[in-house]
Amino acid sequence: MISPRRFLLSLGTLPFFLGTGSHVYSQQPINPLVQPEKSIKLIGSTPVGMRKTDVVRAFDRVKHAVVNIHSERTVSSPSVDVYSITPHQNRVNGMGTGIIIDPRGFIITNYHVVEDVSLLRIRLWDGTSYNAAIMARNPELDLALIKIDAPQPLPTIPIGSSQDLMIGEVVIAVGNAFGYEHTVSQGIIAAVKRDVTLNKDMAYKSLIQTDAAINPGNSGGPLVNILGDCVGVNVAIRAGAQNIGFAIPVDQMVKAAADMLRSRRRYGTYDGLQVRDSVEVTGETPIRSVVLDRADTNSPAARAGLKTGDVLLQIADTKIACSFDVERALIERKAGESLPIVYRRDQQEQRTDLVMSGPDSPFRVVSKQPTPTAATTTSSAPADPVWNKLGMQLAPAGEDTVTKVNKGLKGGLEITNVGADTAAYKAGIRKGDILVGLHTWEMLTIENVQYVLSHPDLGTFNPLSFYILRAGQVRRGSLMVP
């Protein structure tokens, strides 16, 4: 096994976003055609219903699924000692917007809204507030998954499609603009498939361009069509320009959300389902569905009789319309749990039962994966040596996430899970930390960690020094390897 690169660290400045981190610009609203209600009642001489336009109805449909995000970052002054925790710390408040995608409190927002935050506070439409935890990140697409624990099921946003967007189509943006909660702005689709480079650290592919007013704090909020369906996630504006804003297409968000939800499976279960999103755009309203690309050999899906081309309609009590619905249905399930599945094959509705297996199932077949990137992270299974010896699961973190804190670092591994009463937990390592070093080596891949754990001199390393990123700082600790 090739030795990881040894590293020397030196601190640099830590940039951060506040909402979109963009500038204010003027907005020329475009008035849609007012469509009166079919039945108009008169009170005195005033018709009731004439004022309830399509924009009003669209906002009414999504407002309960839009949340306002208030964040707090701790920004430290540079220190000569790279591993010291300097007492010179400043707290910086930020703002953003999120979209509820699951009644249990899973929320999608922009990665730059939650990057390096020490506190996240979510405010719902009804005024209630909750602390939130970051569950998963996708820096390459600038998306993140966060979660709140609400006492009751939350409303979710209707999901449309970005595949049939029309230039000139009326849309609205909803968000926490400059801290003004649930602000609504109206505009049109100005262009699609825009590649945008904001600066040397941030570039986007195939964005939606709109002239709806998007301001700092709108980041992570929905771009909604006139039917009230989410078609994009607002992300940025062109600084210095007028009426040029951008949104991530909702179809990109759906796939990213599915990947992030899968990475957060609490019990490490396995199903063998390989699915893809399908969007039929022949009618006025796109029709979303989820098609089974394949069932892994000898997997729970194969044993349930599912085949390529089956259209998934429902898993347990979750209706399936897009790929993250599949992950929503499976995220809290345990090995051995049997789930009823409704699917369509050859235009006939059929039913079967899917029995979930664990990560160490002898039937599990792991498909060959591409080289991990920030957008395609894969976590280590609980049965691997890293879990057995240290008690933590890892996934590659984006290089940009690390180099923004310290330009001497080339990457790291996000800690996605820490077992109770394990070596990692006892050493103070927590979920969300980013591991950048062990002993004298940098940690860029899971193989780097395995190299250290299998080193013939490991016994002489104890206690094993580790280096993590937390709240925008490099921190040092030590743990005992059993």
Protein backbone atom coordinates (compact mmCIF):
# COMPACT_ATOMS: atom_id res chain seq x y z
CA MET A 1 0.00 0.00 0.00
CA ILE A 2 1.35 3.41 -0.99
CA SER A 3 2.17 5.72 1.90
CA PRO A 4 0.07 8.91 2.16
CA ARG A 5 1.85 12.23 1.65
CA ARG A 6 3.31 13.79 4.77
CA PHE A 7 2.11 17.32 5.36
CA LEU A 8 3.12 20.65 6.85
CA LEU A 9 0.37 23.13 7.61
CA SER A 10 0.22 26.89 7.59
CA LEU A 11 -2.85 28.95 8.25
CA GLY A 12 -4.48 31.26 5.75
CA THR A 13 -7.57 33.42 5.79
CA LEU A 14 -10.98 31.76 5.88
CA PRO A 15 -13.49 33.13 3.36
CA PHE A 16 -17.17 32.61 3.96
CA PHE A 17 -20.58 33.37 2.45
CA LEU A 18 -23.46 35.23 3.98
CA GLY A 19 -26.50 33.92 2.17
CA THR A 20 -25.61 34.29 -1.50
CA GLY A 21 -22.77 36.65 -0.63
CA SER A 22 -23.93 38.85 -3.49
CA HIS A 23 -24.89 42.47 -4.00
CA VAL A 24 -28.29 44.13 -4.11
CA TYR A 25 -29.66 45.03 -7.49
CA SER A 26 -32.84 46.55 -8.83
CA GLN A 27 -35.69 44.41 -10.10
CA GLN A 28 -38.22 45.11 -12.85
CA PRO A 29 -41.22 42.88 -12.06
CA ILE A 30 -43.22 41.40 -14.89
CA ASN A 31 -46.94 41.24 -14.26
CA PRO A 32 -48.56 37.94 -15.25
CA LEU A 33 -52.01 37.81 -16.76
CA VAL A 34 -54.63 37.95 -14.04
CA GLN A 35 -56.88 34.93 -14.26
CA PRO A 36 -60.15 35.43 -12.36
CA GLU A 37 -61.77 32.61 -10.45
CA LYS A 38 -64.46 30.72 -12.35
CA SER A 39 -67.02 31.75 -9.75
CA ILE A 40 -66.93 35.39 -8.67
CA LYS A 41 -68.96 36.59 -5.72
CA LEU A 42 -69.83 40.22 -5.13
CA ILE A 43 -69.61 41.97 -1.78
CA GLY A 44 -71.23 45.32 -2.33
CA SER A 45 -69.73 46.35 -5.68
CA THR A 46 -66.36 44.56 -5.24
CA PRO A 47 -65.76 41.20 -6.98
CA VAL A 48 -64.13 38.65 -4.66
CA GLY A 49 -61.55 36.41 -6.36
CA MET A 50 -60.18 38.87 -8.94
CA ARG A 51 -57.15 39.59 -6.72
CA LYS A 52 -56.14 35.97 -6.23
CA THR A 53 -53.75 35.64 -9.15
CA ASP A 54 -51.65 32.67 -10.19
CA VAL A 55 -48.71 34.14 -8.29
CA VAL A 56 -50.77 34.29 -5.09
CA ARG A 57 -51.88 30.68 -5.53
CA ALA A 58 -48.34 29.53 -6.29
CA PHE A 59 -47.01 31.15 -3.12
CA ASP A 60 -49.85 29.69 -1.04
CA ARG A 61 -48.89 26.24 -2.29
CA VAL A 62 -45.22 26.42 -1.26
CA LYS A 63 -44.99 28.88 1.65
CA HIS A 64 -45.28 26.27 4.43
CA ALA A 65 -42.37 24.26 2.96
CA VAL A 66 -39.94 27.21 2.86
CA VAL A 67 -37.81 27.87 5.94
CA ASN A 68 -35.62 30.76 6.99
CA ILE A 69 -32.07 29.96 8.06
CA HIS A 70 -30.06 31.98 10.55
CA SER A 71 -26.45 30.91 11.04
CA GLU A 72 -23.49 31.77 13.19
CA ARG A 73 -19.83 31.36 12.24
CA THR A 74 -16.79 31.71 14.43
CA VAL A 75 -14.01 33.48 12.57
CA SER A 76 -10.55 33.32 14.11
CA SER A 77 -7.49 35.48 13.63
CA PRO A 78 -4.43 33.77 12.08
CA SER A 79 -2.01 32.18 14.52
CA VAL A 80 1.65 31.26 14.22
CA ASP A 81 0.92 27.83 15.71
CA VAL A 82 -1.26 26.02 13.18
CA TYR A 83 -2.74 23.73 15.80
CA SER A 84 -3.44 26.29 18.50
CA ILE A 85 -6.98 27.47 19.25
CA THR A 86 -6.59 31.21 19.25
CA PRO A 87 -8.61 33.20 21.78
CA HIS A 88 -9.20 35.94 19.19
CA GLN A 89 -12.52 34.79 17.77
CA ASN A 90 -15.34 36.75 16.21
CA ARG A 91 -18.91 35.61 15.70
CA VAL A 92 -20.44 36.41 12.32
CA ASN A 93 -24.16 36.04 11.64
CA GLY A 94 -25.44 34.75 8.31
CA MET A 95 -28.76 34.08 6.63
CA GLY A 96 -30.23 31.82 3.99
CA THR A 97 -33.28 29.81 2.97
CA GLY A 98 -34.16 26.12 2.93
CA ILE A 99 -36.70 23.79 1.32
CA ILE A 100 -38.43 21.02 3.29
CA ILE A 101 -38.29 17.76 1.31
CA ASP A 102 -39.39 15.30 4.00
CA PRO A 103 -42.02 15.57 6.77
CA ARG A 104 -39.42 14.41 9.35
CA GLY A 105 -37.52 17.64 8.92
CA PHE A 106 -34.97 17.02 6.16
CA ILE A 107 -34.22 20.31 4.41
CA ILE A 108 -32.24 21.17 1.27
CA THR A 109 -30.25 24.40 1.09
CA ASN A 110 -27.03 25.69 -0.48
CA TYR A 111 -23.72 24.38 0.80
CA HIS A 112 -22.35 27.91 1.09
CA VAL A 113 -25.21 28.79 3.47
CA VAL A 114 -24.05 26.20 6.02
CA GLU A 115 -20.33 26.06 5.25
CA ASP A 116 -18.22 26.26 8.44
CA VAL A 117 -21.14 27.35 10.61
CA SER A 118 -21.13 26.68 14.34
CA LEU A 119 -24.88 27.21 14.81
CA LEU A 120 -27.92 26.83 12.56
CA ARG A 121 -31.35 28.09 13.58
CA ILE A 122 -34.40 27.33 11.41
CA ARG A 123 -37.59 29.38 11.50
CA LEU A 124 -40.76 27.91 10.00
CA TRP A 125 -43.70 29.70 8.41
CA ASP A 126 -45.68 29.54 11.67
CA GLY A 127 -42.87 31.30 13.55
CA THR A 128 -41.53 28.30 15.48
CA SER A 129 -37.75 27.88 15.57
CA TYR A 130 -35.48 24.84 15.83
CA ASN A 131 -31.78 24.15 15.87
CA ALA A 132 -30.59 22.23 12.82
CA ALA A 133 -27.80 19.75 12.19
CA ILE A 134 -25.87 19.34 8.93
CA MET A 135 -26.46 15.81 7.64
CA ALA A 136 -24.58 15.76 4.31
CA ARG A 137 -22.84 18.09 1.88
CA ASN A 138 -22.28 18.32 -1.88
CA PRO A 139 -19.85 21.23 -2.36
CA GLU A 140 -19.51 20.66 -6.10
CA LEU A 141 -23.21 21.33 -6.71
CA ASP A 142 -23.36 23.81 -3.78
CA LEU A 143 -26.06 21.82 -1.99
CA ALA A 144 -26.39 20.54 1.57
CA LEU A 145 -28.84 18.45 3.56
CA ILE A 146 -29.77 19.63 7.04
CA LYS A 147 -32.35 18.37 9.54
CA ILE A 148 -34.53 19.68 12.35
CA ASP A 149 -36.48 17.63 14.89
CA ALA A 150 -40.02 18.98 14.82
CA PRO A 151 -42.75 17.45 17.03
CA GLN A 152 -45.16 17.04 14.11
CA PRO A 153 -44.85 16.14 10.40
CA LEU A 154 -43.89 19.09 8.24
CA PRO A 155 -45.32 20.09 4.84
CA THR A 156 -43.05 19.41 1.86
CA ILE A 157 -42.61 21.33 -1.36
CA PRO A 158 -44.21 20.10 -4.61
CA ILE A 159 -41.45 19.00 -7.00
CA GLY A 160 -41.71 20.00 -10.65
CA SER A 161 -39.11 19.61 -13.38
CA SER A 162 -36.56 21.87 -15.03
CA GLN A 163 -36.57 19.88 -18.27
CA ASP A 164 -39.48 21.71 -19.91
CA LEU A 165 -38.80 25.28 -18.76
CA MET A 166 -39.71 27.89 -21.35
CA ILE A 167 -37.86 31.15 -21.95
CA GLY A 168 -40.20 33.88 -20.79
CA GLU A 169 -42.12 31.60 -18.42
CA VAL A 170 -43.26 33.35 -15.22
CA VAL A 171 -41.54 32.22 -12.01
CA ILE A 172 -41.32 33.43 -8.43
CA ALA A 173 -38.48 33.26 -5.91
CA VAL A 174 -39.24 32.78 -2.21
CA GLY A 175 -36.68 33.34 0.51
CA ASN A 176 -35.14 35.11 3.45
CA ALA A 177 -33.98 38.15 1.45
CA PHE A 178 -31.73 40.30 3.66
CA GLY A 179 -33.42 38.64 6.63
CA TYR A 180 -36.93 39.63 5.50
CA GLU A 181 -38.58 36.25 5.89
CA HIS A 182 -40.66 34.65 3.13
CA THR A 183 -40.05 37.47 0.70
CA VAL A 184 -41.63 36.84 -2.72
CA SER A 185 -40.26 38.23 -5.98
CA GLN A 186 -41.56 37.68 -9.49
CA GLY A 187 -39.87 37.41 -12.86
CA ILE A 188 -39.39 35.17 -15.85
CA ILE A 189 -37.04 32.45 -17.06
CA ALA A 190 -34.39 34.45 -18.89
CA ALA A 191 -32.25 31.51 -20.06
CA VAL A 192 -31.44 27.88 -19.28
CA LYS A 193 -28.27 25.79 -19.22
CA ARG A 194 -26.03 28.70 -18.24
CA ASP A 195 -22.48 27.88 -17.15
CA VAL A 196 -21.50 30.50 -14.58
CA THR A 197 -18.16 31.24 -12.93
CA LEU A 198 -18.57 33.54 -9.94
CA ASN A 199 -14.93 33.51 -8.87
CA LYS A 200 -11.86 31.28 -8.92
CA ASP A 201 -13.35 29.07 -6.20
CA MET A 202 -16.94 28.75 -7.40
CA ALA A 203 -18.27 27.66 -10.80
CA TYR A 204 -21.64 26.19 -11.74
CA LYS A 205 -22.89 24.16 -14.70
CA SER A 206 -26.22 24.36 -16.51
CA LEU A 207 -27.98 26.90 -14.27
CA ILE A 208 -31.37 28.53 -14.78
CA GLN A 209 -31.15 32.27 -15.34
CA THR A 210 -34.00 34.45 -14.08
CA ASP A 211 -34.74 38.15 -13.63
CA ALA A 212 -36.71 37.52 -10.42
CA ALA A 213 -35.11 39.51 -7.62
CA ILE A 214 -32.61 37.33 -5.71
CA ASN A 215 -30.75 38.92 -2.80
CA PRO A 216 -28.42 37.81 -0.01
CA GLY A 217 -30.46 35.42 2.11
CA ASN A 218 -32.36 33.97 -0.87
CA SER A 219 -29.69 31.29 -1.27
CA GLY A 220 -31.13 27.81 -0.89
CA GLY A 221 -34.74 28.89 -1.46
CA PRO A 222 -37.06 27.67 -4.20
CA LEU A 223 -37.62 29.05 -7.67
CA VAL A 224 -41.26 28.17 -8.34
CA ASN A 225 -43.31 28.08 -11.52
CA ILE A 226 -46.79 29.52 -11.83
CA LEU A 227 -48.34 26.17 -10.81
CA GLY A 228 -46.51 26.25 -7.48
CA ASP A 229 -44.00 23.52 -8.35
CA CYS A 230 -40.35 23.90 -7.42
CA VAL A 231 -38.22 24.11 -10.58
CA GLY A 232 -34.93 25.30 -9.08
CA VAL A 233 -32.88 26.22 -6.00
CA ASN A 234 -31.82 29.88 -5.94
CA VAL A 235 -28.06 30.16 -5.63
CA ALA A 236 -26.50 33.44 -6.81
CA ILE A 237 -26.74 36.69 -8.74
CA ARG A 238 -24.34 38.45 -11.07
CA ALA A 239 -22.65 41.11 -8.96
CA GLY A 240 -22.85 44.57 -10.52
CA ALA A 241 -25.59 43.54 -12.96
CA GLN A 242 -29.32 44.14 -12.91
CA ASN A 243 -31.93 41.38 -12.92
CA ILE A 244 -29.49 38.51 -13.51
CA GLY A 245 -30.00 35.72 -10.99
CA PHE A 246 -29.35 31.99 -11.12
CA ALA A 247 -30.89 28.80 -9.77
CA ILE A 248 -29.76 25.16 -9.67
CA PRO A 249 -32.21 23.08 -11.78
CA VAL A 250 -34.52 21.01 -9.59
CA ASP A 251 -33.60 17.81 -11.46
CA GLN A 252 -29.99 18.24 -10.31
CA MET A 253 -31.22 18.87 -6.78
CA VAL A 254 -33.37 15.71 -6.78
CA LYS A 255 -30.44 13.46 -7.66
CA ALA A 256 -28.11 15.18 -5.17
CA ALA A 257 -30.74 14.93 -2.42
CA ALA A 258 -31.14 11.20 -3.08
CA ASP A 259 -27.38 10.66 -2.85
CA MET A 260 -27.12 12.66 0.38
CA LEU A 261 -30.08 10.87 1.99
CA ARG A 262 -28.56 7.50 1.09
CA SER A 263 -25.30 8.50 2.74
CA ARG A 264 -27.19 9.20 5.99
CA ARG A 265 -28.80 5.79 6.44
CA ARG A 266 -28.60 5.33 10.17
CA TYR A 267 -28.40 1.54 10.23
CA GLY A 268 -26.22 0.97 7.14
CA THR A 269 -28.92 -1.08 5.41
CA TYR A 270 -28.73 -2.40 1.87
CA ASP A 271 -31.52 -2.83 -0.71
CA GLY A 272 -29.88 -3.39 -4.11
CA LEU A 273 -32.13 -0.88 -5.88
CA GLN A 274 -30.47 1.05 -8.71
CA VAL A 275 -33.01 3.63 -9.87
CA ARG A 276 -33.25 6.63 -12.17
CA ASP A 277 -35.61 9.56 -12.46
CA SER A 278 -37.90 9.77 -15.46
CA VAL A 279 -39.78 12.92 -16.49
CA GLU A 280 -42.53 12.89 -19.11
CA VAL A 281 -42.96 16.39 -20.52
CA THR A 282 -45.52 15.85 -23.29
CA GLY A 283 -48.35 17.50 -21.34
CA GLU A 284 -48.81 20.86 -19.63
CA THR A 285 -47.56 19.44 -16.31
CA PRO A 286 -44.45 17.20 -16.28
CA ILE A 287 -45.06 13.74 -14.85
CA ARG A 288 -42.27 12.39 -12.65
CA SER A 289 -41.63 8.70 -12.02
CA VAL A 290 -38.87 6.43 -10.77
CA VAL A 291 -37.70 3.54 -12.94
CA LEU A 292 -35.63 0.59 -11.77
CA ASP A 293 -32.42 0.53 -13.81
CA ARG A 294 -31.43 -2.78 -12.28
CA ALA A 295 -31.61 -4.90 -9.15
CA ASP A 296 -28.16 -5.99 -7.94
CA THR A 297 -27.57 -9.73 -8.21
CA ASN A 298 -28.77 -11.68 -5.14
CA SER A 299 -29.80 -8.40 -3.48
CA PRO A 300 -33.01 -7.79 -1.50
CA ALA A 301 -34.48 -6.11 -4.60
CA ALA A 302 -33.68 -9.13 -6.80
CA ARG A 303 -35.09 -11.55 -4.23
CA ALA A 304 -38.28 -9.45 -4.17
CA GLY A 305 -38.70 -10.14 -7.88
CA LEU A 306 -38.09 -6.57 -9.07
CA LYS A 307 -36.72 -6.22 -12.60
CA THR A 308 -35.22 -3.59 -14.87
CA GLY A 309 -37.93 -1.29 -16.20
CA ASP A 310 -40.28 -1.61 -13.23
CA VAL A 311 -41.81 1.72 -12.22
CA LEU A 312 -41.84 2.16 -8.44
CA LEU A 313 -45.12 3.63 -7.19
CA GLN A 314 -44.99 3.23 -3.41
CA ILE A 315 -42.66 1.87 -0.72
CA ALA A 316 -44.42 1.25 2.60
CA ASP A 317 -46.44 4.44 3.17
CA THR A 318 -44.30 6.69 0.94
CA LYS A 319 -45.55 7.58 -2.53
CA ILE A 320 -42.69 7.50 -5.05
CA ALA A 321 -42.40 10.32 -7.61
CA CYS A 322 -38.65 10.99 -7.63
CA SER A 323 -35.47 9.24 -6.56
CA PHE A 324 -35.18 10.95 -3.18
CA ASP A 325 -38.63 9.56 -2.33
CA VAL A 326 -37.03 6.09 -2.48
CA GLU A 327 -34.37 7.18 0.01
CA ARG A 328 -36.96 8.87 2.23
CA ALA A 329 -38.81 5.56 2.41
CA LEU A 330 -35.67 3.59 3.33
CA ILE A 331 -33.61 5.94 5.52
CA GLU A 332 -34.94 4.83 8.93
CA ARG A 333 -35.30 1.12 8.13
CA LYS A 334 -33.42 -1.68 9.88
CA ALA A 335 -31.92 -4.91 8.57
CA GLY A 336 -34.59 -7.62 8.41
CA GLU A 337 -37.46 -5.16 8.09
CA SER A 338 -39.98 -6.10 5.41
CA LEU A 339 -41.42 -3.28 3.30
CA PRO A 340 -44.42 -3.62 0.95
CA ILE A 341 -43.69 -2.23 -2.53
CA VAL A 342 -46.20 -1.28 -5.21
CA TYR A 343 -44.80 -1.11 -8.75
CA ARG A 344 -45.97 -1.09 -12.35
CA ARG A 345 -44.80 -3.62 -14.94
CA ASP A 346 -46.25 -3.91 -18.46
CA GLN A 347 -48.98 -1.44 -17.49
CA GLN A 348 -50.08 -3.71 -14.64
CA GLU A 349 -49.86 -2.68 -10.98
CA GLN A 350 -48.19 -5.34 -8.85
CA ARG A 351 -47.05 -5.81 -5.25
CA THR A 352 -44.13 -7.45 -3.51
CA ASP A 353 -42.15 -7.25 -0.25
CA LEU A 354 -38.59 -5.97 0.08
CA VAL A 355 -36.62 -7.34 3.07
CA MET A 356 -33.75 -5.02 3.97
CA SER A 357 -30.33 -6.55 4.66
CA GLY A 358 -27.39 -5.25 6.67
CA PRO A 359 -24.04 -3.96 5.37
CA ASP A 360 -22.35 -7.30 6.07
CA SER A 361 -24.93 -9.42 4.24
CA PRO A 362 -23.29 -12.35 2.37
CA PHE A 363 -25.57 -11.58 -0.58
CA ARG A 364 -24.40 -8.01 -0.94
CA VAL A 365 -22.78 -7.16 -4.27
CA VAL A 366 -21.02 -3.80 -4.33
CA SER A 367 -21.09 -2.21 -7.77
CA LYS A 368 -17.88 -0.75 -9.12
CA GLN A 369 -17.89 2.96 -8.36
CA PRO A 370 -16.05 5.81 -10.10
CA THR A 371 -13.23 7.58 -8.33
CA PRO A 372 -14.90 9.49 -5.46
CA THR A 373 -15.35 13.23 -5.94
CA ALA A 374 -17.08 15.92 -3.94
CA ALA A 375 -20.28 15.09 -5.83
CA THR A 376 -20.01 11.28 -5.59
CA THR A 377 -18.89 10.51 -2.08
CA THR A 378 -19.12 6.99 -0.71
CA SER A 379 -18.92 6.20 2.95
CA SER A 380 -17.02 3.30 4.42
CA ALA A 381 -19.17 0.39 5.54
CA PRO A 382 -19.48 -0.34 9.27
CA ALA A 383 -17.75 -3.72 8.71
CA ASP A 384 -14.44 -2.22 7.53
CA PRO A 385 -11.23 -1.85 9.59
CA VAL A 386 -11.75 1.87 10.11
CA TRP A 387 -15.06 1.19 11.82
CA ASN A 388 -13.76 -1.82 13.74
CA LYS A 389 -10.67 -0.05 15.13
CA LEU A 390 -11.74 3.59 15.41
CA GLY A 391 -15.53 3.49 15.40
CA MET A 392 -16.16 6.05 12.69
CA GLN A 393 -17.39 6.14 9.09
CA LEU A 394 -15.75 8.37 6.49
CA ALA A 395 -16.55 9.94 3.14
CA PRO A 396 -14.25 12.04 0.91
CA ALA A 397 -14.63 15.77 1.52
CA GLY A 398 -14.21 18.29 -1.29
CA GLU A 399 -10.75 19.77 -1.65
CA ASP A 400 -12.20 23.29 -1.73
CA THR A 401 -13.80 22.75 1.68
CA VAL A 402 -10.37 22.13 3.20
CA THR A 403 -8.16 24.51 1.24
CA LYS A 404 -10.41 27.46 2.13
CA VAL A 405 -9.36 26.89 5.73
CA ASN A 406 -5.74 26.04 5.04
CA LYS A 407 -4.08 26.26 1.63
CA GLY A 408 -1.43 23.77 2.74
CA LEU A 409 -4.04 21.00 2.85
CA LYS A 410 -5.14 19.07 -0.25
CA GLY A 411 -8.32 17.44 1.02
CA GLY A 412 -9.77 15.38 3.84
CA LEU A 413 -12.40 12.87 4.93
CA GLU A 414 -15.73 13.92 6.36
CA ILE A 415 -16.75 11.95 9.45
CA THR A 416 -20.30 10.83 8.67
CA ASN A 417 -20.90 8.64 11.71
CA VAL A 418 -19.27 7.98 15.10
CA GLY A 419 -20.19 4.93 17.17
CA ALA A 420 -20.99 5.29 20.84
CA ASP A 421 -18.25 4.31 23.30
CA THR A 422 -15.64 3.93 20.52
CA ALA A 423 -12.05 5.17 20.30
CA ALA A 424 -13.12 8.06 18.08
CA TYR A 425 -16.00 9.08 20.34
CA LYS A 426 -13.87 8.95 23.47
CA ALA A 427 -11.28 11.17 21.76
CA GLY A 428 -13.92 13.85 21.12
CA ILE A 429 -14.36 13.23 17.38
CA ARG A 430 -17.88 13.98 16.23
CA LYS A 431 -20.00 13.61 13.11
CA GLY A 432 -19.39 16.52 10.73
CA ASP A 433 -15.69 16.90 11.59
CA ILE A 434 -13.26 16.58 8.68
CA LEU A 435 -10.25 14.34 9.26
CA VAL A 436 -7.15 15.82 7.57
CA GLY A 437 -4.28 14.01 9.28
CA LEU A 438 -3.24 10.95 11.28
CA HIS A 439 0.16 10.75 12.96
CA THR A 440 2.40 12.50 10.36
CA TRP A 441 0.37 11.75 7.23
CA GLU A 442 -2.42 13.61 5.47
CA MET A 443 -5.74 11.81 5.00
CA LEU A 444 -7.23 12.18 1.52
CA THR A 445 -8.78 8.72 1.03
CA ILE A 446 -10.04 5.89 3.18
CA GLU A 447 -7.02 3.90 1.93
CA ASN A 448 -4.80 6.49 3.65
CA VAL A 449 -6.50 5.70 6.97
CA GLN A 450 -6.15 1.97 6.36
CA TYR A 451 -2.45 2.48 5.64
CA VAL A 452 -1.95 3.97 9.09
CA LEU A 453 -4.07 1.32 10.83
CA SER A 454 -2.14 -1.50 9.15
CA HIS A 455 1.29 0.07 9.67
CA PRO A 456 3.74 -2.36 11.33
CA ASP A 457 4.79 0.37 13.78
CA LEU A 458 1.22 1.30 14.74
CA GLY A 459 1.85 0.19 18.32
CA THR A 460 4.54 2.85 18.70
CA PHE A 461 2.16 5.58 17.47
CA ASN A 462 -0.24 5.17 20.42
CA PRO A 463 -1.75 7.48 21.43
CA LEU A 464 -2.36 8.26 17.75
CA SER A 465 -2.39 11.97 16.90
CA PHE A 466 -5.23 13.17 14.68
CA TYR A 467 -6.00 16.50 13.02
CA ILE A 468 -9.53 17.60 12.17
CA LEU A 469 -11.30 20.65 10.79
CA ARG A 470 -14.12 21.96 12.97
CA ALA A 471 -15.81 25.37 12.83
CA GLY A 472 -13.19 26.69 10.41
CA GLN A 473 -10.20 25.64 12.51
CA VAL A 474 -7.60 22.88 12.45
CA ARG A 475 -7.74 21.05 15.77
CA ARG A 476 -5.42 18.43 17.19
CA GLY A 477 -6.20 15.48 19.44
CA SER A 478 -5.11 11.95 20.21
CA LEU A 479 -6.83 8.60 20.47
CA MET A 480 -5.93 5.10 21.60
CA VAL A 481 -6.08 2.47 18.86
CA PRO A 482 -7.10 -0.89 20.36
